[in-house]
């Protein structure tokens, strides 16, 4: 049986799964140093003893619990990120670039600064990178992200009142479609379907399998069915109240599932 994994989150919910070859006793919220891109990175333990599945990609190993020296380096990196963020904002304005800076992330070893931004069109940021490299004496990477990744990095709370799923625990974005909203009888024009990113809320996919399974045994909207009042056309299916609304040539009526026969 494969060894259990440790789920570690980095800055702004960037998470991954790691082997724990030393079998360190780790608790949620502890800071650990792990292997990352042939280097080291520091992150927060979210879950320990995670039973691995085929979908879980192992990113490396847990090296150690964060030491005082590691914590001091982390603090210096956070300060450097704040300075780099302000400097980059000023340089974006100076170069008149049509882009919006979202976040800055410093590699744990201090070798590189990553600037995350959004933009509607392609941006020529070569001059910006040269200025940043001169200012911070290291490698500079500009990384364009989408609106869902922007919401994850900025953070916030959803309509449910809880922290955004993409920040709290969701590691990968799955496609969310209008078909999911339609099957859940949600208004196609309602802004309540949209998350802070302006896209369809990720939680629409959580119950999608349930709705698909439930509807697979029931007549679809628009189909003709036989009822105690004769044949009619289905215009609504309520899987929770277990009733089907049927339209006839004159009027309409609701019937429990047991009284409906598909033709």
C-alpha atoms as a PDB file:
ATOM      1  CA  UNK A   1       0.000   0.000   0.000  1.00  0.00           C
ATOM      2  CA  UNK A   2       1.444   3.440  -0.960  1.00  0.00           C
ATOM      3  CA  UNK A   3       2.711   5.615   1.871  1.00  0.00           C
ATOM      4  CA  UNK A   4       0.378   8.416   3.005  1.00  0.00           C
ATOM      5  CA  UNK A   5       1.007  11.889   1.641  1.00  0.00           C
ATOM      6  CA  UNK A   6       1.185  15.336   3.175  1.00  0.00           C
ATOM      7  CA  UNK A   7      -0.873  18.108   1.563  1.00  0.00           C
ATOM      8  CA  UNK A   8       1.023  21.395   1.686  1.00  0.00           C
ATOM      9  CA  UNK A   9      -0.243  24.822   0.659  1.00  0.00           C
ATOM     10  CA  UNK A  10       2.007  27.687  -0.298  1.00  0.00           C
ATOM     11  CA  UNK A  11       1.306  31.373  -0.694  1.00  0.00           C
ATOM     12  CA  UNK A  12      -2.273  32.045  -1.783  1.00  0.00           C
ATOM     13  CA  UNK A  13      -3.435  28.419  -1.805  1.00  0.00           C
ATOM     14  CA  UNK A  14      -0.913  27.055  -4.281  1.00  0.00           C
ATOM     15  CA  UNK A  15      -1.012  23.473  -3.044  1.00  0.00           C
ATOM     16  CA  UNK A  16       0.504  20.076  -3.750  1.00  0.00           C
ATOM     17  CA  UNK A  17       1.055  16.619  -2.261  1.00  0.00           C
ATOM     18  CA  UNK A  18       4.383  15.478  -0.841  1.00  0.00           C
ATOM     19  CA  UNK A  19       5.943  12.253   0.329  1.00  0.00           C
ATOM     20  CA  UNK A  20       7.082  12.107   3.940  1.00  0.00           C
ATOM     21  CA  UNK A  21      10.045   9.690   3.788  1.00  0.00           C
ATOM     22  CA  UNK A  22      11.300  10.646   7.238  1.00  0.00           C
ATOM     23  CA  UNK A  23       7.839   9.985   8.701  1.00  0.00           C
ATOM     24  CA  UNK A  24       7.891  13.333  10.475  1.00  0.00           C
ATOM     25  CA  UNK A  25       5.033  13.915  12.890  1.00  0.00           C
ATOM     26  CA  UNK A  26       3.255  16.828  11.230  1.00  0.00           C
ATOM     27  CA  UNK A  27       0.088  18.636  12.214  1.00  0.00           C
ATOM     28  CA  UNK A  28      -2.122  21.001  10.186  1.00  0.00           C
ATOM     29  CA  UNK A  29      -0.897  24.635  10.195  1.00  0.00           C
ATOM     30  CA  UNK A  30       2.720  23.597  10.794  1.00  0.00           C
ATOM     31  CA  UNK A  31       5.303  25.132   8.450  1.00  0.00           C
ATOM     32  CA  UNK A  32       7.529  22.718   6.551  1.00  0.00           C
ATOM     33  CA  UNK A  33      10.301  22.938   3.963  1.00  0.00           C
ATOM     34  CA  UNK A  34       9.826  20.750   0.882  1.00  0.00           C
ATOM     35  CA  UNK A  35      11.611  20.049  -2.397  1.00  0.00           C
ATOM     36  CA  UNK A  36      10.379  22.270  -5.216  1.00  0.00           C
ATOM     37  CA  UNK A  37      11.743  22.700  -8.761  1.00  0.00           C
ATOM     38  CA  UNK A  38      15.195  21.335  -7.825  1.00  0.00           C
ATOM     39  CA  UNK A  39      15.241  23.745  -4.900  1.00  0.00           C
ATOM     40  CA  UNK A  40      13.399  24.285  -1.623  1.00  0.00           C
ATOM     41  CA  UNK A  41      10.116  25.948  -0.732  1.00  0.00           C
ATOM     42  CA  UNK A  42       8.321  26.600   2.546  1.00  0.00           C
ATOM     43  CA  UNK A  43       4.621  25.928   3.005  1.00  0.00           C
ATOM     44  CA  UNK A  44       1.854  25.131   5.464  1.00  0.00           C
ATOM     45  CA  UNK A  45       0.622  21.618   6.200  1.00  0.00           C
ATOM     46  CA  UNK A  46      -3.088  21.394   5.399  1.00  0.00           C
ATOM     47  CA  UNK A  47      -3.644  17.656   5.824  1.00  0.00           C
ATOM     48  CA  UNK A  48      -1.464  14.810   6.999  1.00  0.00           C
ATOM     49  CA  UNK A  49      -1.726  11.082   6.325  1.00  0.00           C
ATOM     50  CA  UNK A  50      -3.616  11.637   3.059  1.00  0.00           C
ATOM     51  CA  UNK A  51      -4.430   8.355   1.339  1.00  0.00           C
ATOM     52  CA  UNK A  52      -3.029   8.728  -2.199  1.00  0.00           C
ATOM     53  CA  UNK A  53      -5.167   8.311  -5.299  1.00  0.00           C
ATOM     54  CA  UNK A  54      -4.269   8.132  -8.984  1.00  0.00           C
ATOM     55  CA  UNK A  55      -5.213  11.804  -9.455  1.00  0.00           C
ATOM     56  CA  UNK A  56      -2.825  13.018  -6.774  1.00  0.00           C
ATOM     57  CA  UNK A  57       0.443  14.127  -8.315  1.00  0.00           C
ATOM     58  CA  UNK A  58       3.389  13.892  -5.936  1.00  0.00           C
ATOM     59  CA  UNK A  59       5.483  17.040  -6.195  1.00  0.00           C
ATOM     60  CA  UNK A  60       8.428  16.005  -4.043  1.00  0.00           C
ATOM     61  CA  UNK A  61       9.348  15.319  -0.430  1.00  0.00           C
ATOM     62  CA  UNK A  62       9.003  16.985   2.933  1.00  0.00           C
ATOM     63  CA  UNK A  63      12.571  17.809   4.018  1.00  0.00           C
ATOM     64  CA  UNK A  64      12.079  19.201   7.520  1.00  0.00           C
ATOM     65  CA  UNK A  65       9.950  21.232   9.853  1.00  0.00           C
ATOM     66  CA  UNK A  66      10.653  24.923   9.419  1.00  0.00           C
ATOM     67  CA  UNK A  67      13.510  26.099  11.647  1.00  0.00           C
ATOM     68  CA  UNK A  68      14.043  29.571  13.119  1.00  0.00           C
ATOM     69  CA  UNK A  69      16.395  30.290  10.234  1.00  0.00           C
ATOM     70  CA  UNK A  70      13.730  29.192   7.728  1.00  0.00           C
ATOM     71  CA  UNK A  71      11.127  31.437   9.383  1.00  0.00           C
ATOM     72  CA  UNK A  72      13.497  34.406   9.276  1.00  0.00           C
ATOM     73  CA  UNK A  73      14.098  33.802   5.567  1.00  0.00           C
ATOM     74  CA  UNK A  74      10.328  33.586   5.001  1.00  0.00           C
ATOM     75  CA  UNK A  75       9.794  36.898   6.769  1.00  0.00           C
ATOM     76  CA  UNK A  76      12.485  38.556   4.650  1.00  0.00           C
ATOM     77  CA  UNK A  77      10.889  37.162   1.498  1.00  0.00           C
ATOM     78  CA  UNK A  78       7.479  38.548   2.466  1.00  0.00           C
ATOM     79  CA  UNK A  79       9.023  41.980   3.002  1.00  0.00           C
ATOM     80  CA  UNK A  80      10.790  41.710  -0.352  1.00  0.00           C
ATOM     81  CA  UNK A  81       7.490  40.776  -2.027  1.00  0.00           C
ATOM     82  CA  UNK A  82       5.797  43.878  -0.625  1.00  0.00           C
ATOM     83  CA  UNK A  83       8.630  46.109  -1.864  1.00  0.00           C
ATOM     84  CA  UNK A  84       8.582  44.441  -5.276  1.00  0.00           C
ATOM     85  CA  UNK A  85       4.798  44.827  -5.567  1.00  0.00           C
ATOM     86  CA  UNK A  86       4.929  48.584  -4.949  1.00  0.00           C
ATOM     87  CA  UNK A  87       7.941  49.020  -7.241  1.00  0.00           C
ATOM     88  CA  UNK A  88       6.277  47.073 -10.045  1.00  0.00           C
ATOM     89  CA  UNK A  89       3.058  49.095  -9.762  1.00  0.00           C
ATOM     90  CA  UNK A  90       5.058  52.310 -10.179  1.00  0.00           C
ATOM     91  CA  UNK A  91       6.985  50.891 -13.142  1.00  0.00           C
ATOM     92  CA  UNK A  92       3.789  49.668 -14.835  1.00  0.00           C
ATOM     93  CA  UNK A  93       2.488  53.233 -14.675  1.00  0.00           C
ATOM     94  CA  UNK A  94       5.830  54.615 -15.871  1.00  0.00           C
ATOM     95  CA  UNK A  95       5.887  52.298 -18.914  1.00  0.00           C
ATOM     96  CA  UNK A  96       2.142  52.880 -19.501  1.00  0.00           C
ATOM     97  CA  UNK A  97       1.406  49.159 -19.675  1.00  0.00           C
ATOM     98  CA  UNK A  98      -2.169  47.891 -19.935  1.00  0.00           C
ATOM     99  CA  UNK A  99      -1.917  45.263 -17.230  1.00  0.00           C
ATOM    100  CA  UNK A 100      -3.071  44.793 -13.658  1.00  0.00           C
ATOM    101  CA  UNK A 101      -0.600  43.490 -11.095  1.00  0.00           C
ATOM    102  CA  UNK A 102      -2.178  40.852  -8.836  1.00  0.00           C
ATOM    103  CA  UNK A 103       0.568  39.454  -6.637  1.00  0.00           C
ATOM    104  CA  UNK A 104       4.311  38.930  -6.218  1.00  0.00           C
ATOM    105  CA  UNK A 105       5.911  35.722  -5.013  1.00  0.00           C
ATOM    106  CA  UNK A 106       9.539  35.280  -3.978  1.00  0.00           C
ATOM    107  CA  UNK A 107      11.169  31.876  -4.259  1.00  0.00           C
ATOM    108  CA  UNK A 108      12.293  30.595  -0.874  1.00  0.00           C
ATOM    109  CA  UNK A 109      15.982  30.711  -1.812  1.00  0.00           C
ATOM    110  CA  UNK A 110      15.599  34.300  -3.038  1.00  0.00           C
ATOM    111  CA  UNK A 111      16.714  33.427  -6.568  1.00  0.00           C
ATOM    112  CA  UNK A 112      13.603  34.621  -8.366  1.00  0.00           C
ATOM    113  CA  UNK A 113      10.636  36.966  -8.106  1.00  0.00           C
ATOM    114  CA  UNK A 114       7.413  35.990  -9.878  1.00  0.00           C
ATOM    115  CA  UNK A 115       4.960  38.760 -10.787  1.00  0.00           C
ATOM    116  CA  UNK A 116       1.378  37.638 -11.425  1.00  0.00           C
ATOM    117  CA  UNK A 117      -0.784  39.904 -13.562  1.00  0.00           C
ATOM    118  CA  UNK A 118      -3.934  40.020 -15.646  1.00  0.00           C
ATOM    119  CA  UNK A 119      -4.312  41.716 -19.020  1.00  0.00           C
ATOM    120  CA  UNK A 120      -6.866  41.729 -21.809  1.00  0.00           C
ATOM    121  CA  UNK A 121      -4.247  41.858 -24.555  1.00  0.00           C
ATOM    122  CA  UNK A 122      -0.641  40.843 -25.070  1.00  0.00           C
ATOM    123  CA  UNK A 123       1.757  43.040 -23.079  1.00  0.00           C
ATOM    124  CA  UNK A 124       5.324  43.912 -24.071  1.00  0.00           C
ATOM    125  CA  UNK A 125       6.910  43.990 -20.622  1.00  0.00           C
ATOM    126  CA  UNK A 126      10.573  43.664 -21.657  1.00  0.00           C
ATOM    127  CA  UNK A 127      11.430  47.135 -20.386  1.00  0.00           C
ATOM    128  CA  UNK A 128       9.587  46.452 -17.153  1.00  0.00           C
ATOM    129  CA  UNK A 129      11.528  43.213 -16.588  1.00  0.00           C
ATOM    130  CA  UNK A 130      14.861  44.961 -17.205  1.00  0.00           C
ATOM    131  CA  UNK A 131      14.042  47.630 -14.649  1.00  0.00           C
ATOM    132  CA  UNK A 132      12.882  45.077 -12.083  1.00  0.00           C
ATOM    133  CA  UNK A 133      15.990  42.912 -12.608  1.00  0.00           C
ATOM    134  CA  UNK A 134      18.244  45.924 -12.077  1.00  0.00           C
ATOM    135  CA  UNK A 135      16.328  46.947  -8.984  1.00  0.00           C
ATOM    136  CA  UNK A 136      16.122  43.545  -7.261  1.00  0.00           C
ATOM    137  CA  UNK A 137      19.295  41.862  -8.534  1.00  0.00           C
ATOM    138  CA  UNK A 138      17.797  38.541  -9.497  1.00  0.00           C
ATOM    139  CA  UNK A 139      15.688  36.593 -11.968  1.00  0.00           C
ATOM    140  CA  UNK A 140      12.328  38.081 -12.849  1.00  0.00           C
ATOM    141  CA  UNK A 141       9.377  36.129 -14.206  1.00  0.00           C
ATOM    142  CA  UNK A 142       6.136  37.697 -15.429  1.00  0.00           C
ATOM    143  CA  UNK A 143       3.231  35.258 -15.293  1.00  0.00           C
ATOM    144  CA  UNK A 144      -0.148  36.140 -16.798  1.00  0.00           C
ATOM    145  CA  UNK A 145      -3.092  34.503 -15.021  1.00  0.00           C
ATOM    146  CA  UNK A 146      -6.833  34.247 -15.586  1.00  0.00           C
ATOM    147  CA  UNK A 147      -9.631  35.703 -13.515  1.00  0.00           C
ATOM    148  CA  UNK A 148     -10.170  32.486 -11.535  1.00  0.00           C
ATOM    149  CA  UNK A 149      -6.510  32.397 -10.520  1.00  0.00           C
ATOM    150  CA  UNK A 150      -6.734  36.096  -9.670  1.00  0.00           C
ATOM    151  CA  UNK A 151      -9.605  35.432  -7.256  1.00  0.00           C
ATOM    152  CA  UNK A 152      -7.601  32.613  -5.672  1.00  0.00           C
ATOM    153  CA  UNK A 153      -4.573  34.837  -5.097  1.00  0.00           C
ATOM    154  CA  UNK A 154      -6.562  37.860  -3.865  1.00  0.00           C
ATOM    155  CA  UNK A 155      -8.878  35.757  -1.680  1.00  0.00           C
ATOM    156  CA  UNK A 156     -12.287  36.596  -0.258  1.00  0.00           C
ATOM    157  CA  UNK A 157     -15.601  35.095   0.794  1.00  0.00           C
ATOM    158  CA  UNK A 158     -18.368  33.625  -1.317  1.00  0.00           C
ATOM    159  CA  UNK A 159     -22.121  34.131  -1.134  1.00  0.00           C
ATOM    160  CA  UNK A 160     -22.267  31.269   1.364  1.00  0.00           C
ATOM    161  CA  UNK A 161     -20.251  33.367   3.806  1.00  0.00           C
ATOM    162  CA  UNK A 162     -17.303  31.004   3.780  1.00  0.00           C
ATOM    163  CA  UNK A 163     -13.799  31.459   2.399  1.00  0.00           C
ATOM    164  CA  UNK A 164     -13.555  30.862  -1.349  1.00  0.00           C
ATOM    165  CA  UNK A 165     -13.159  27.161  -2.163  1.00  0.00           C
ATOM    166  CA  UNK A 166     -10.213  27.908  -4.458  1.00  0.00           C
ATOM    167  CA  UNK A 167      -8.426  29.499  -1.511  1.00  0.00           C
ATOM    168  CA  UNK A 168      -9.454  27.099   1.247  1.00  0.00           C
ATOM    169  CA  UNK A 169      -8.986  23.699  -0.380  1.00  0.00           C
ATOM    170  CA  UNK A 170      -9.564  23.485  -4.136  1.00  0.00           C
ATOM    171  CA  UNK A 171      -6.245  22.698  -5.829  1.00  0.00           C
ATOM    172  CA  UNK A 172      -7.394  22.366  -9.450  1.00  0.00           C
ATOM    173  CA  UNK A 173     -10.025  24.228 -11.419  1.00  0.00           C
ATOM    174  CA  UNK A 174     -12.543  21.964 -13.142  1.00  0.00           C
ATOM    175  CA  UNK A 175     -14.761  23.160 -16.015  1.00  0.00           C
ATOM    176  CA  UNK A 176     -18.078  24.626 -14.820  1.00  0.00           C
ATOM    177  CA  UNK A 177     -20.743  24.829 -17.517  1.00  0.00           C
ATOM    178  CA  UNK A 178     -24.127  26.431 -18.081  1.00  0.00           C
ATOM    179  CA  UNK A 179     -25.510  22.918 -18.481  1.00  0.00           C
ATOM    180  CA  UNK A 180     -24.808  22.326 -14.782  1.00  0.00           C
ATOM    181  CA  UNK A 181     -26.721  25.465 -13.833  1.00  0.00           C
ATOM    182  CA  UNK A 182     -29.614  24.547 -16.127  1.00  0.00           C
ATOM    183  CA  UNK A 183     -29.938  21.050 -14.654  1.00  0.00           C
ATOM    184  CA  UNK A 184     -30.017  22.585 -11.172  1.00  0.00           C
ATOM    185  CA  UNK A 185     -32.925  24.823 -12.239  1.00  0.00           C
ATOM    186  CA  UNK A 186     -30.965  28.020 -11.755  1.00  0.00           C
ATOM    187  CA  UNK A 187     -31.747  31.173 -13.679  1.00  0.00           C
ATOM    188  CA  UNK A 188     -29.488  31.605 -16.675  1.00  0.00           C
ATOM    189  CA  UNK A 189     -29.352  35.359 -16.084  1.00  0.00           C
ATOM    190  CA  UNK A 190     -28.903  35.407 -12.311  1.00  0.00           C
ATOM    191  CA  UNK A 191     -25.736  37.031 -10.976  1.00  0.00           C
ATOM    192  CA  UNK A 192     -26.000  34.652  -8.010  1.00  0.00           C
ATOM    193  CA  UNK A 193     -24.438  31.955 -10.201  1.00  0.00           C
ATOM    194  CA  UNK A 194     -21.236  33.981 -10.497  1.00  0.00           C
ATOM    195  CA  UNK A 195     -18.318  33.890  -8.091  1.00  0.00           C
ATOM    196  CA  UNK A 196     -16.022  36.777  -7.192  1.00  0.00           C
ATOM    197  CA  UNK A 197     -14.021  35.976 -10.333  1.00  0.00           C
ATOM    198  CA  UNK A 198     -17.058  36.707 -12.496  1.00  0.00           C
ATOM    199  CA  UNK A 199     -17.210  33.097 -13.719  1.00  0.00           C
ATOM    200  CA  UNK A 200     -19.726  30.387 -12.841  1.00  0.00           C
ATOM    201  CA  UNK A 201     -19.255  29.317  -9.223  1.00  0.00           C
ATOM    202  CA  UNK A 202     -17.172  26.189  -8.707  1.00  0.00           C
ATOM    203  CA  UNK A 203     -19.767  24.819  -6.270  1.00  0.00           C
ATOM    204  CA  UNK A 204     -22.126  24.177  -9.201  1.00  0.00           C
ATOM    205  CA  UNK A 205     -20.045  21.109 -10.027  1.00  0.00           C
ATOM    206  CA  UNK A 206     -20.230  19.599  -6.532  1.00  0.00           C
ATOM    207  CA  UNK A 207     -23.797  18.335  -6.989  1.00  0.00           C
ATOM    208  CA  UNK A 208     -23.612  17.767 -10.728  1.00  0.00           C
ATOM    209  CA  UNK A 209     -23.261  13.979 -10.432  1.00  0.00           C
ATOM    210  CA  UNK A 210     -26.317  13.869  -8.150  1.00  0.00           C
ATOM    211  CA  UNK A 211     -28.460  15.812 -10.618  1.00  0.00           C
ATOM    212  CA  UNK A 212     -27.282  13.769 -13.591  1.00  0.00           C
ATOM    213  CA  UNK A 213     -28.081  10.515 -11.802  1.00  0.00           C
ATOM    214  CA  UNK A 214     -31.494  11.783 -10.648  1.00  0.00           C
ATOM    215  CA  UNK A 215     -32.545  13.089 -14.056  1.00  0.00           C
ATOM    216  CA  UNK A 216     -31.391   9.943 -15.853  1.00  0.00           C
ATOM    217  CA  UNK A 217     -34.477   8.093 -14.543  1.00  0.00           C
ATOM    218  CA  UNK A 218     -36.949  10.886 -15.241  1.00  0.00           C
ATOM    219  CA  UNK A 219     -38.554  12.400 -18.344  1.00  0.00           C
ATOM    220  CA  UNK A 220     -36.780  15.463 -19.682  1.00  0.00           C
ATOM    221  CA  UNK A 221     -38.292  18.916 -20.082  1.00  0.00           C
ATOM    222  CA  UNK A 222     -40.039  19.051 -23.472  1.00  0.00           C
ATOM    223  CA  UNK A 223     -40.847  15.318 -23.603  1.00  0.00           C
ATOM    224  CA  UNK A 224     -44.406  13.978 -23.895  1.00  0.00           C
ATOM    225  CA  UNK A 225     -45.664  11.871 -20.982  1.00  0.00           C
ATOM    226  CA  UNK A 226     -48.833  10.082 -19.978  1.00  0.00           C
ATOM    227  CA  UNK A 227     -50.620  11.338 -16.845  1.00  0.00           C
ATOM    228  CA  UNK A 228     -53.975  10.636 -15.117  1.00  0.00           C
ATOM    229  CA  UNK A 229     -55.295  13.628 -17.094  1.00  0.00           C
ATOM    230  CA  UNK A 230     -53.989  12.380 -20.419  1.00  0.00           C
ATOM    231  CA  UNK A 231     -50.902  13.131 -22.488  1.00  0.00           C
ATOM    232  CA  UNK A 232     -48.997  16.341 -21.902  1.00  0.00           C
ATOM    233  CA  UNK A 233     -45.611  18.010 -22.255  1.00  0.00           C
ATOM    234  CA  UNK A 234     -43.172  18.236 -19.357  1.00  0.00           C
ATOM    235  CA  UNK A 235     -42.098  21.818 -18.599  1.00  0.00           C
ATOM    236  CA  UNK A 236     -40.547  21.388 -15.157  1.00  0.00           C
ATOM    237  CA  UNK A 237     -39.027  18.605 -13.058  1.00  0.00           C
ATOM    238  CA  UNK A 238     -38.562  19.058  -9.302  1.00  0.00           C
ATOM    239  CA  UNK A 239     -36.403  16.249  -7.957  1.00  0.00           C
ATOM    240  CA  UNK A 240     -36.671  17.464  -4.362  1.00  0.00           C
ATOM    241  CA  UNK A 241     -40.459  17.686  -4.186  1.00  0.00           C
ATOM    242  CA  UNK A 242     -40.554  14.630  -6.472  1.00  0.00           C
ATOM    243  CA  UNK A 243     -43.101  16.092  -8.815  1.00  0.00           C
ATOM    244  CA  UNK A 244     -43.323  16.845 -12.522  1.00  0.00           C
ATOM    245  CA  UNK A 245     -45.154  19.828 -13.999  1.00  0.00           C
ATOM    246  CA  UNK A 246     -47.020  19.000 -17.203  1.00  0.00           C
ATOM    247  CA  UNK A 247     -48.616  21.349 -19.720  1.00  0.00           C
ATOM    248  CA  UNK A 248     -51.746  20.346 -21.646  1.00  0.00           C
ATOM    249  CA  UNK A 249     -53.605  22.037 -24.499  1.00  0.00           C
ATOM    250  CA  UNK A 250     -55.748  23.650 -21.829  1.00  0.00           C
ATOM    251  CA  UNK A 251     -54.014  24.341 -18.531  1.00  0.00           C
ATOM    252  CA  UNK A 252     -51.308  22.544 -16.628  1.00  0.00           C
ATOM    253  CA  UNK A 253     -50.916  20.407 -13.499  1.00  0.00           C
ATOM    254  CA  UNK A 254     -48.336  18.852 -11.186  1.00  0.00           C
ATOM    255  CA  UNK A 255     -48.015  15.108 -10.667  1.00  0.00           C
ATOM    256  CA  UNK A 256     -45.867  12.926  -8.388  1.00  0.00           C
ATOM    257  CA  UNK A 257     -43.242  10.812 -10.127  1.00  0.00           C
ATOM    258  CA  UNK A 258     -45.271   7.641  -9.529  1.00  0.00           C
ATOM    259  CA  UNK A 259     -48.197   8.896 -11.643  1.00  0.00           C
ATOM    260  CA  UNK A 260     -46.110   9.709 -14.717  1.00  0.00           C
ATOM    261  CA  UNK A 261     -45.415   7.253 -17.528  1.00  0.00           C
ATOM    262  CA  UNK A 262     -42.877   8.040 -20.201  1.00  0.00           C
ATOM    263  CA  UNK A 263     -43.987   7.461 -23.771  1.00  0.00           C
END
